[in-house]
């Protein structure tokens, strides 16, 4: 018993100085690692948003091709803003689609805008019957096609730039892109450019604190990927 007590007494705990040193080391490591981890998470989120933008661009390109085979061809230059994307019933996507040049205009349904005189977006072509598409038929056809094709898209907002029937850029964010200050220097086209990031000192892939993915990739220094 005496030997056991002697062994117990021989064991020493940490001194206050040692504990303070350990706490200080943990604090230094936290100060170094936490910003690194935050940056890692942000970059991962930007990469994910870029991938979503690329997926949407591919989807829209396929939709355009599919609609062209039906004689419903989207031409001209302009910008479509698809917001509040959601797949709530497991079958079709729910979304709001407006003219990105005036996203807050009353009832600014893009199909109504396209049918209006002077719109940057035009639909031309004939149905299989040889008759021209009416504005209502065209609107219903595009809504149905997008509702089906966007059903796997992540919830959020997309800005889709279409020039002469070609999807040239997609920007995607879980946030509402219509609230962001975007580049309108090209007449009739709202888009994300290097100037968008430089305007408010935003970082690549971040606008006003919100993660924004682009395809082709747009960066602050002007680098872009055509994929």
C-alpha atoms as a PDB file:
ATOM      1  CA  UNK A   1       0.000   0.000   0.000  1.00  0.00           C
ATOM      2  CA  UNK A   2       2.818   2.413   0.909  1.00  0.00           C
ATOM      3  CA  UNK A   3       4.515   1.723  -2.398  1.00  0.00           C
ATOM      4  CA  UNK A   4       1.304   2.488  -4.282  1.00  0.00           C
ATOM      5  CA  UNK A   5       0.926   5.778  -2.435  1.00  0.00           C
ATOM      6  CA  UNK A   6       4.527   6.635  -3.210  1.00  0.00           C
ATOM      7  CA  UNK A   7       3.900   5.929  -6.904  1.00  0.00           C
ATOM      8  CA  UNK A   8       0.822   8.129  -6.888  1.00  0.00           C
ATOM      9  CA  UNK A   9       2.679  10.961  -5.208  1.00  0.00           C
ATOM     10  CA  UNK A  10       5.488  10.591  -7.743  1.00  0.00           C
ATOM     11  CA  UNK A  11       3.031  11.321 -10.594  1.00  0.00           C
ATOM     12  CA  UNK A  12       2.939  15.006 -11.411  1.00  0.00           C
ATOM     13  CA  UNK A  13       0.165  16.946 -13.165  1.00  0.00           C
ATOM     14  CA  UNK A  14       0.521  19.878 -15.552  1.00  0.00           C
ATOM     15  CA  UNK A  15       1.644  23.127 -14.074  1.00  0.00           C
ATOM     16  CA  UNK A  16      -0.260  26.347 -14.729  1.00  0.00           C
ATOM     17  CA  UNK A  17       2.557  27.568 -16.963  1.00  0.00           C
ATOM     18  CA  UNK A  18       2.404  24.407 -19.054  1.00  0.00           C
ATOM     19  CA  UNK A  19      -1.355  24.747 -19.447  1.00  0.00           C
ATOM     20  CA  UNK A  20      -0.980  28.385 -20.525  1.00  0.00           C
ATOM     21  CA  UNK A  21       1.666  27.395 -23.081  1.00  0.00           C
ATOM     22  CA  UNK A  22      -0.595  24.651 -24.497  1.00  0.00           C
ATOM     23  CA  UNK A  23      -3.562  27.044 -24.717  1.00  0.00           C
ATOM     24  CA  UNK A  24      -1.374  29.627 -26.443  1.00  0.00           C
ATOM     25  CA  UNK A  25      -0.217  27.040 -29.005  1.00  0.00           C
ATOM     26  CA  UNK A  26      -3.811  25.993 -29.675  1.00  0.00           C
ATOM     27  CA  UNK A  27      -4.749  29.657 -30.155  1.00  0.00           C
ATOM     28  CA  UNK A  28      -1.935  30.203 -32.663  1.00  0.00           C
ATOM     29  CA  UNK A  29      -2.864  27.067 -34.608  1.00  0.00           C
ATOM     30  CA  UNK A  30      -6.526  28.114 -34.655  1.00  0.00           C
ATOM     31  CA  UNK A  31      -5.589  31.580 -35.928  1.00  0.00           C
ATOM     32  CA  UNK A  32      -3.655  29.955 -38.780  1.00  0.00           C
ATOM     33  CA  UNK A  33      -5.979  27.075 -39.658  1.00  0.00           C
ATOM     34  CA  UNK A  34      -9.440  28.655 -39.342  1.00  0.00           C
ATOM     35  CA  UNK A  35      -8.924  31.238 -42.167  1.00  0.00           C
ATOM     36  CA  UNK A  36      -7.405  28.465 -44.272  1.00  0.00           C
ATOM     37  CA  UNK A  37     -10.401  26.225 -43.684  1.00  0.00           C
ATOM     38  CA  UNK A  38     -12.830  29.081 -44.402  1.00  0.00           C
ATOM     39  CA  UNK A  39     -11.004  29.747 -47.674  1.00  0.00           C
ATOM     40  CA  UNK A  40     -11.070  26.050 -48.528  1.00  0.00           C
ATOM     41  CA  UNK A  41     -14.826  25.830 -47.912  1.00  0.00           C
ATOM     42  CA  UNK A  42     -15.453  28.998 -49.943  1.00  0.00           C
ATOM     43  CA  UNK A  43     -13.379  27.720 -52.870  1.00  0.00           C
ATOM     44  CA  UNK A  44     -15.242  24.404 -52.742  1.00  0.00           C
ATOM     45  CA  UNK A  45     -18.566  26.271 -52.831  1.00  0.00           C
ATOM     46  CA  UNK A  46     -17.383  28.378 -55.795  1.00  0.00           C
ATOM     47  CA  UNK A  47     -16.298  25.238 -57.654  1.00  0.00           C
ATOM     48  CA  UNK A  48     -19.699  23.664 -56.966  1.00  0.00           C
ATOM     49  CA  UNK A  49     -21.483  26.808 -58.229  1.00  0.00           C
ATOM     50  CA  UNK A  50     -19.295  26.802 -61.370  1.00  0.00           C
ATOM     51  CA  UNK A  51     -20.218  23.181 -61.993  1.00  0.00           C
ATOM     52  CA  UNK A  52     -23.904  24.010 -61.592  1.00  0.00           C
ATOM     53  CA  UNK A  53     -23.544  26.906 -64.058  1.00  0.00           C
ATOM     54  CA  UNK A  54     -21.851  24.572 -66.544  1.00  0.00           C
ATOM     55  CA  UNK A  55     -24.610  22.001 -66.089  1.00  0.00           C
ATOM     56  CA  UNK A  56     -27.319  24.626 -66.652  1.00  0.00           C
ATOM     57  CA  UNK A  57     -25.548  25.924 -69.755  1.00  0.00           C
ATOM     58  CA  UNK A  58     -25.400  22.414 -71.187  1.00  0.00           C
ATOM     59  CA  UNK A  59     -29.064  21.924 -70.326  1.00  0.00           C
ATOM     60  CA  UNK A  60     -30.130  25.197 -71.955  1.00  0.00           C
ATOM     61  CA  UNK A  61     -28.046  24.398 -75.043  1.00  0.00           C
ATOM     62  CA  UNK A  62     -29.833  21.061 -75.325  1.00  0.00           C
ATOM     63  CA  UNK A  63     -33.200  22.770 -74.797  1.00  0.00           C
ATOM     64  CA  UNK A  64     -32.455  25.252 -77.574  1.00  0.00           C
ATOM     65  CA  UNK A  65     -31.489  22.412 -79.917  1.00  0.00           C
ATOM     66  CA  UNK A  66     -34.605  20.469 -79.023  1.00  0.00           C
ATOM     67  CA  UNK A  67     -36.821  23.507 -79.606  1.00  0.00           C
ATOM     68  CA  UNK A  68     -35.133  24.217 -82.943  1.00  0.00           C
ATOM     69  CA  UNK A  69     -36.134  20.758 -84.149  1.00  0.00           C
ATOM     70  CA  UNK A  70     -39.723  21.820 -83.419  1.00  0.00           C
ATOM     71  CA  UNK A  71     -39.265  25.008 -85.405  1.00  0.00           C
ATOM     72  CA  UNK A  72     -39.285  27.201 -82.294  1.00  0.00           C
ATOM     73  CA  UNK A  73     -35.959  28.982 -82.705  1.00  0.00           C
ATOM     74  CA  UNK A  74     -34.672  31.557 -80.206  1.00  0.00           C
ATOM     75  CA  UNK A  75     -32.732  34.306 -81.973  1.00  0.00           C
ATOM     76  CA  UNK A  76     -31.445  37.800 -81.272  1.00  0.00           C
ATOM     77  CA  UNK A  77     -29.372  38.916 -78.310  1.00  0.00           C
ATOM     78  CA  UNK A  78     -30.705  39.422 -74.832  1.00  0.00           C
ATOM     79  CA  UNK A  79     -30.726  37.980 -71.371  1.00  0.00           C
ATOM     80  CA  UNK A  80     -33.064  35.616 -69.592  1.00  0.00           C
ATOM     81  CA  UNK A  81     -33.212  35.573 -65.790  1.00  0.00           C
ATOM     82  CA  UNK A  82     -34.504  32.320 -64.348  1.00  0.00           C
ATOM     83  CA  UNK A  83     -35.014  32.632 -60.611  1.00  0.00           C
ATOM     84  CA  UNK A  84     -36.480  30.668 -57.722  1.00  0.00           C
ATOM     85  CA  UNK A  85     -35.548  27.386 -59.383  1.00  0.00           C
ATOM     86  CA  UNK A  86     -36.925  24.438 -57.431  1.00  0.00           C
ATOM     87  CA  UNK A  87     -37.996  20.873 -58.026  1.00  0.00           C
ATOM     88  CA  UNK A  88     -40.869  20.441 -55.596  1.00  0.00           C
ATOM     89  CA  UNK A  89     -42.856  17.596 -57.105  1.00  0.00           C
ATOM     90  CA  UNK A  90     -40.072  15.328 -58.290  1.00  0.00           C
ATOM     91  CA  UNK A  91     -41.187  15.644 -61.898  1.00  0.00           C
ATOM     92  CA  UNK A  92     -40.874  19.226 -63.135  1.00  0.00           C
ATOM     93  CA  UNK A  93     -38.949  22.312 -62.117  1.00  0.00           C
ATOM     94  CA  UNK A  94     -40.682  25.369 -60.734  1.00  0.00           C
ATOM     95  CA  UNK A  95     -39.210  28.719 -61.709  1.00  0.00           C
ATOM     96  CA  UNK A  96     -39.829  32.352 -62.505  1.00  0.00           C
ATOM     97  CA  UNK A  97     -38.537  33.577 -65.862  1.00  0.00           C
ATOM     98  CA  UNK A  98     -38.171  37.282 -66.626  1.00  0.00           C
ATOM     99  CA  UNK A  99     -36.348  39.802 -68.758  1.00  0.00           C
ATOM    100  CA  UNK A 100     -33.024  40.334 -66.973  1.00  0.00           C
ATOM    101  CA  UNK A 101     -32.824  43.901 -68.309  1.00  0.00           C
ATOM    102  CA  UNK A 102     -35.854  44.743 -66.163  1.00  0.00           C
ATOM    103  CA  UNK A 103     -36.240  41.944 -63.592  1.00  0.00           C
ATOM    104  CA  UNK A 104     -38.571  43.944 -61.358  1.00  0.00           C
ATOM    105  CA  UNK A 105     -40.953  45.090 -64.092  1.00  0.00           C
ATOM    106  CA  UNK A 106     -44.574  44.273 -63.328  1.00  0.00           C
ATOM    107  CA  UNK A 107     -45.402  40.789 -64.594  1.00  0.00           C
ATOM    108  CA  UNK A 108     -42.208  40.780 -66.648  1.00  0.00           C
ATOM    109  CA  UNK A 109     -42.665  37.315 -68.081  1.00  0.00           C
ATOM    110  CA  UNK A 110     -39.870  36.864 -70.614  1.00  0.00           C
ATOM    111  CA  UNK A 111     -42.175  35.265 -73.158  1.00  0.00           C
ATOM    112  CA  UNK A 112     -44.408  38.314 -73.127  1.00  0.00           C
ATOM    113  CA  UNK A 113     -41.305  40.462 -73.546  1.00  0.00           C
ATOM    114  CA  UNK A 114     -40.067  38.366 -76.443  1.00  0.00           C
ATOM    115  CA  UNK A 115     -43.387  38.695 -78.200  1.00  0.00           C
ATOM    116  CA  UNK A 116     -43.320  42.473 -77.795  1.00  0.00           C
ATOM    117  CA  UNK A 117     -42.057  44.777 -80.522  1.00  0.00           C
ATOM    118  CA  UNK A 118     -38.372  45.667 -80.232  1.00  0.00           C
ATOM    119  CA  UNK A 119     -37.439  42.827 -77.882  1.00  0.00           C
ATOM    120  CA  UNK A 120     -33.826  41.633 -77.895  1.00  0.00           C
ATOM    121  CA  UNK A 121     -35.055  38.057 -77.938  1.00  0.00           C
ATOM    122  CA  UNK A 122     -36.974  36.714 -80.907  1.00  0.00           C
ATOM    123  CA  UNK A 123     -38.615  33.403 -81.666  1.00  0.00           C
ATOM    124  CA  UNK A 124     -38.985  32.405 -85.270  1.00  0.00           C
ATOM    125  CA  UNK A 125     -39.769  29.335 -87.320  1.00  0.00           C
ATOM    126  CA  UNK A 126     -42.825  27.263 -88.096  1.00  0.00           C
ATOM    127  CA  UNK A 127     -44.508  24.325 -86.460  1.00  0.00           C
ATOM    128  CA  UNK A 128     -44.565  20.906 -88.091  1.00  0.00           C
ATOM    129  CA  UNK A 129     -47.955  21.823 -89.503  1.00  0.00           C
ATOM    130  CA  UNK A 130     -46.366  24.720 -91.402  1.00  0.00           C
ATOM    131  CA  UNK A 131     -48.178  27.326 -89.304  1.00  0.00           C
ATOM    132  CA  UNK A 132     -46.314  30.087 -87.470  1.00  0.00           C
ATOM    133  CA  UNK A 133     -45.893  29.803 -83.711  1.00  0.00           C
ATOM    134  CA  UNK A 134     -48.172  32.160 -81.807  1.00  0.00           C
ATOM    135  CA  UNK A 135     -46.728  33.950 -78.763  1.00  0.00           C
ATOM    136  CA  UNK A 136     -48.869  31.835 -76.442  1.00  0.00           C
ATOM    137  CA  UNK A 137     -47.900  28.542 -78.099  1.00  0.00           C
ATOM    138  CA  UNK A 138     -44.246  29.505 -78.035  1.00  0.00           C
ATOM    139  CA  UNK A 139     -44.446  30.515 -74.361  1.00  0.00           C
ATOM    140  CA  UNK A 140     -46.121  27.262 -73.360  1.00  0.00           C
ATOM    141  CA  UNK A 141     -43.637  25.187 -75.358  1.00  0.00           C
ATOM    142  CA  UNK A 142     -40.622  26.876 -73.781  1.00  0.00           C
ATOM    143  CA  UNK A 143     -42.078  26.706 -70.281  1.00  0.00           C
ATOM    144  CA  UNK A 144     -42.761  22.984 -70.653  1.00  0.00           C
ATOM    145  CA  UNK A 145     -39.288  22.324 -72.061  1.00  0.00           C
ATOM    146  CA  UNK A 146     -37.514  24.264 -69.312  1.00  0.00           C
ATOM    147  CA  UNK A 147     -39.694  22.767 -66.576  1.00  0.00           C
ATOM    148  CA  UNK A 148     -38.612  19.323 -67.727  1.00  0.00           C
ATOM    149  CA  UNK A 149     -34.961  20.093 -68.460  1.00  0.00           C
ATOM    150  CA  UNK A 150     -34.258  22.103 -65.277  1.00  0.00           C
ATOM    151  CA  UNK A 151     -35.816  19.606 -62.896  1.00  0.00           C
ATOM    152  CA  UNK A 152     -32.419  18.372 -61.683  1.00  0.00           C
ATOM    153  CA  UNK A 153     -31.013  21.882 -61.199  1.00  0.00           C
ATOM    154  CA  UNK A 154     -30.119  23.087 -57.726  1.00  0.00           C
ATOM    155  CA  UNK A 155     -32.461  25.651 -56.218  1.00  0.00           C
ATOM    156  CA  UNK A 156     -31.331  29.206 -56.841  1.00  0.00           C
ATOM    157  CA  UNK A 157     -31.064  31.800 -59.596  1.00  0.00           C
ATOM    158  CA  UNK A 158     -29.523  31.636 -63.051  1.00  0.00           C
ATOM    159  CA  UNK A 159     -28.764  34.374 -65.543  1.00  0.00           C
ATOM    160  CA  UNK A 160     -28.698  32.922 -69.039  1.00  0.00           C
ATOM    161  CA  UNK A 161     -27.241  34.940 -71.896  1.00  0.00           C
ATOM    162  CA  UNK A 162     -28.475  33.826 -75.308  1.00  0.00           C
ATOM    163  CA  UNK A 163     -27.138  35.389 -78.509  1.00  0.00           C
ATOM    164  CA  UNK A 164     -28.645  34.403 -81.827  1.00  0.00           C
ATOM    165  CA  UNK A 165     -29.881  31.071 -80.558  1.00  0.00           C
ATOM    166  CA  UNK A 166     -26.656  30.183 -78.687  1.00  0.00           C
ATOM    167  CA  UNK A 167     -26.268  30.062 -74.908  1.00  0.00           C
ATOM    168  CA  UNK A 168     -23.080  32.090 -74.421  1.00  0.00           C
ATOM    169  CA  UNK A 169     -23.006  32.460 -70.636  1.00  0.00           C
ATOM    170  CA  UNK A 170     -24.680  31.151 -67.511  1.00  0.00           C
ATOM    171  CA  UNK A 171     -24.218  32.556 -64.028  1.00  0.00           C
ATOM    172  CA  UNK A 172     -25.638  30.637 -61.070  1.00  0.00           C
ATOM    173  CA  UNK A 173     -26.071  31.431 -57.392  1.00  0.00           C
ATOM    174  CA  UNK A 174     -28.118  30.123 -54.507  1.00  0.00           C
ATOM    175  CA  UNK A 175     -28.724  33.831 -53.840  1.00  0.00           C
ATOM    176  CA  UNK A 176     -30.989  36.118 -55.883  1.00  0.00           C
ATOM    177  CA  UNK A 177     -28.941  37.419 -58.813  1.00  0.00           C
ATOM    178  CA  UNK A 178     -31.591  40.014 -59.644  1.00  0.00           C
ATOM    179  CA  UNK A 179     -30.498  41.959 -56.561  1.00  0.00           C
ATOM    180  CA  UNK A 180     -26.872  42.161 -57.705  1.00  0.00           C
ATOM    181  CA  UNK A 181     -25.294  44.970 -59.693  1.00  0.00           C
ATOM    182  CA  UNK A 182     -24.312  43.265 -62.932  1.00  0.00           C
ATOM    183  CA  UNK A 183     -22.495  44.466 -66.042  1.00  0.00           C
ATOM    184  CA  UNK A 184     -24.816  46.112 -68.574  1.00  0.00           C
ATOM    185  CA  UNK A 185     -22.131  47.744 -70.716  1.00  0.00           C
ATOM    186  CA  UNK A 186     -23.157  45.567 -73.673  1.00  0.00           C
ATOM    187  CA  UNK A 187     -26.442  46.917 -74.987  1.00  0.00           C
ATOM    188  CA  UNK A 188     -29.381  44.678 -74.131  1.00  0.00           C
ATOM    189  CA  UNK A 189     -27.295  42.110 -72.272  1.00  0.00           C
ATOM    190  CA  UNK A 190     -26.920  41.682 -68.520  1.00  0.00           C
ATOM    191  CA  UNK A 191     -23.958  39.499 -67.696  1.00  0.00           C
ATOM    192  CA  UNK A 192     -21.073  38.825 -65.343  1.00  0.00           C
ATOM    193  CA  UNK A 193     -17.726  40.172 -66.547  1.00  0.00           C
ATOM    194  CA  UNK A 194     -14.416  41.002 -64.823  1.00  0.00           C
ATOM    195  CA  UNK A 195     -15.881  44.475 -64.248  1.00  0.00           C
ATOM    196  CA  UNK A 196     -18.595  42.903 -62.105  1.00  0.00           C
ATOM    197  CA  UNK A 197     -15.988  41.738 -59.609  1.00  0.00           C
ATOM    198  CA  UNK A 198     -13.828  44.851 -59.793  1.00  0.00           C
ATOM    199  CA  UNK A 199     -16.723  47.255 -59.255  1.00  0.00           C
ATOM    200  CA  UNK A 200     -17.053  46.600 -55.529  1.00  0.00           C
ATOM    201  CA  UNK A 201     -13.746  44.903 -54.873  1.00  0.00           C
ATOM    202  CA  UNK A 202     -15.320  41.444 -54.918  1.00  0.00           C
ATOM    203  CA  UNK A 203     -13.215  38.315 -55.008  1.00  0.00           C
ATOM    204  CA  UNK A 204     -13.379  35.816 -57.856  1.00  0.00           C
ATOM    205  CA  UNK A 205     -16.587  33.819 -57.529  1.00  0.00           C
ATOM    206  CA  UNK A 206     -18.014  36.116 -54.847  1.00  0.00           C
ATOM    207  CA  UNK A 207     -20.308  39.092 -55.484  1.00  0.00           C
ATOM    208  CA  UNK A 208     -21.532  41.097 -52.518  1.00  0.00           C
ATOM    209  CA  UNK A 209     -20.728  38.188 -50.215  1.00  0.00           C
ATOM    210  CA  UNK A 210     -22.720  35.699 -52.309  1.00  0.00           C
ATOM    211  CA  UNK A 211     -21.145  32.737 -54.111  1.00  0.00           C
ATOM    212  CA  UNK A 212     -21.675  33.016 -57.879  1.00  0.00           C
ATOM    213  CA  UNK A 213     -20.632  30.382 -60.386  1.00  0.00           C
ATOM    214  CA  UNK A 214     -20.062  31.190 -64.049  1.00  0.00           C
ATOM    215  CA  UNK A 215     -19.652  29.276 -67.263  1.00  0.00           C
ATOM    216  CA  UNK A 216     -17.529  30.110 -69.162  1.00  0.00           C
ATOM    217  CA  UNK A 217     -15.567  30.908 -66.002  1.00  0.00           C
ATOM    218  CA  UNK A 218     -15.154  34.636 -65.396  1.00  0.00           C
ATOM    219  CA  UNK A 219     -12.496  35.923 -63.020  1.00  0.00           C
ATOM    220  CA  UNK A 220     -11.479  39.312 -61.714  1.00  0.00           C
ATOM    221  CA  UNK A 221      -8.338  39.471 -63.856  1.00  0.00           C
ATOM    222  CA  UNK A 222     -10.267  38.703 -67.021  1.00  0.00           C
ATOM    223  CA  UNK A 223      -9.297  35.067 -67.382  1.00  0.00           C
ATOM    224  CA  UNK A 224     -12.056  33.020 -68.940  1.00  0.00           C
ATOM    225  CA  UNK A 225     -12.618  29.429 -69.886  1.00  0.00           C
ATOM    226  CA  UNK A 226     -14.573  28.602 -73.015  1.00  0.00           C
ATOM    227  CA  UNK A 227     -15.702  25.209 -71.756  1.00  0.00           C
END
